[in-house]
C-alpha cells in the first residue's frame, strides 16, 4: 500500500464526513450518540488519523441518513 496515497484518501474522506455532519447540524458527540460509537473515533476519522471499518461506515451512513455510495462519494 502507498501510505501517502492512503493518507490523502483518509483526509479527503474525513473532510467529507465532517461536511455531512455539519450540514445536518450535528456535533461530534451527537453523531456519536446516534451512531452508538465513541465520539473520539469520529474525531479521528474526520482528521484522517484512522481508517474506518466497514461496520463503522455502515453506522455512520445510517446515523447521517445517507447511502453508502453517498458517504463514499468524496
Protein backbone atom coordinates (compact mmCIF):
# COMPACT_ATOMS: atom_id res chain seq x y z
CA UNK A 1 0.00 0.00 0.00
CA UNK A 2 1.07 3.54 -0.66
CA UNK A 3 1.00 5.36 2.69
CA UNK A 4 0.98 8.82 1.08
CA UNK A 5 -1.96 7.89 -1.09
CA UNK A 6 -3.75 6.30 1.87
CA UNK A 7 -3.23 9.43 4.00
CA UNK A 8 -4.69 11.63 1.26
CA UNK A 9 -7.73 9.37 0.91
CA UNK A 10 -8.33 9.27 4.67
CA UNK A 11 -8.06 13.05 4.97
CA UNK A 12 -10.39 13.59 2.00
CA UNK A 13 -12.94 11.16 3.41
CA UNK A 14 -12.66 12.76 6.84
CA UNK A 15 -13.37 16.19 5.39
CA UNK A 16 -16.40 14.81 3.54
CA UNK A 17 -17.70 13.17 6.73
CA UNK A 18 -17.30 16.43 8.62
CA UNK A 19 -19.19 18.32 5.89
CA UNK A 20 -22.06 15.82 6.00
CA UNK A 21 -22.18 16.09 9.79
CA UNK A 22 -22.18 19.89 9.76
CA UNK A 23 -24.84 20.04 7.01
CA UNK A 24 -27.07 18.15 9.43
CA UNK A 25 -26.09 20.48 12.27
CA UNK A 26 -24.74 17.61 14.36
CA UNK A 27 -21.95 17.88 16.88
CA UNK A 28 -19.37 15.13 17.11
CA UNK A 29 -20.99 13.92 20.32
CA UNK A 30 -24.50 13.92 18.83
CA UNK A 31 -23.39 11.95 15.78
CA UNK A 32 -21.55 9.53 18.05
CA UNK A 33 -24.68 9.08 20.16
CA UNK A 34 -26.84 8.42 17.10
CA UNK A 35 -24.29 6.01 15.59
CA UNK A 36 -23.63 4.41 19.01
CA UNK A 37 -19.86 4.86 18.79
CA UNK A 38 -17.31 6.79 20.82
CA UNK A 39 -17.04 10.41 19.68
CA UNK A 40 -13.23 10.17 19.67
CA UNK A 41 -13.47 7.58 16.88
CA UNK A 42 -15.41 10.01 14.72
CA UNK A 43 -12.95 12.78 15.55
CA UNK A 44 -10.02 10.58 14.43
CA UNK A 45 -11.83 9.66 11.22
CA UNK A 46 -12.63 13.31 10.42
CA UNK A 47 -8.97 14.24 10.98
CA UNK A 48 -7.79 11.44 8.68
CA UNK A 49 -5.96 9.70 11.51
CA UNK A 50 -7.74 6.37 11.38
CA UNK A 51 -9.23 4.14 8.72
CA UNK A 52 -12.90 3.38 9.50
CA UNK A 53 -14.07 -0.21 9.45
CA UNK A 54 -16.95 -1.40 7.31
CA UNK A 55 -19.20 -1.59 10.38
CA UNK A 56 -18.26 1.99 11.28
CA UNK A 57 -19.11 3.16 7.76
CA UNK A 58 -22.49 1.45 7.98
CA UNK A 59 -23.18 3.03 11.39
CA UNK A 60 -22.18 6.49 10.14
CA UNK A 61 -24.25 6.22 6.96
CA UNK A 62 -27.27 5.14 8.98
CA UNK A 63 -26.78 7.93 11.54
CA UNK A 64 -26.38 10.56 8.80
CA UNK A 65 -29.28 9.10 6.81
CA UNK A 66 -27.21 8.69 3.65
CA UNK A 67 -26.44 5.72 1.46
CA UNK A 68 -23.02 4.09 1.49
CA UNK A 69 -22.35 5.39 -2.06
CA UNK A 70 -23.21 8.93 -0.89
CA UNK A 71 -20.97 8.55 2.16
CA UNK A 72 -18.12 7.37 -0.04
CA UNK A 73 -18.68 9.99 -2.75
CA UNK A 74 -15.86 12.33 -1.79
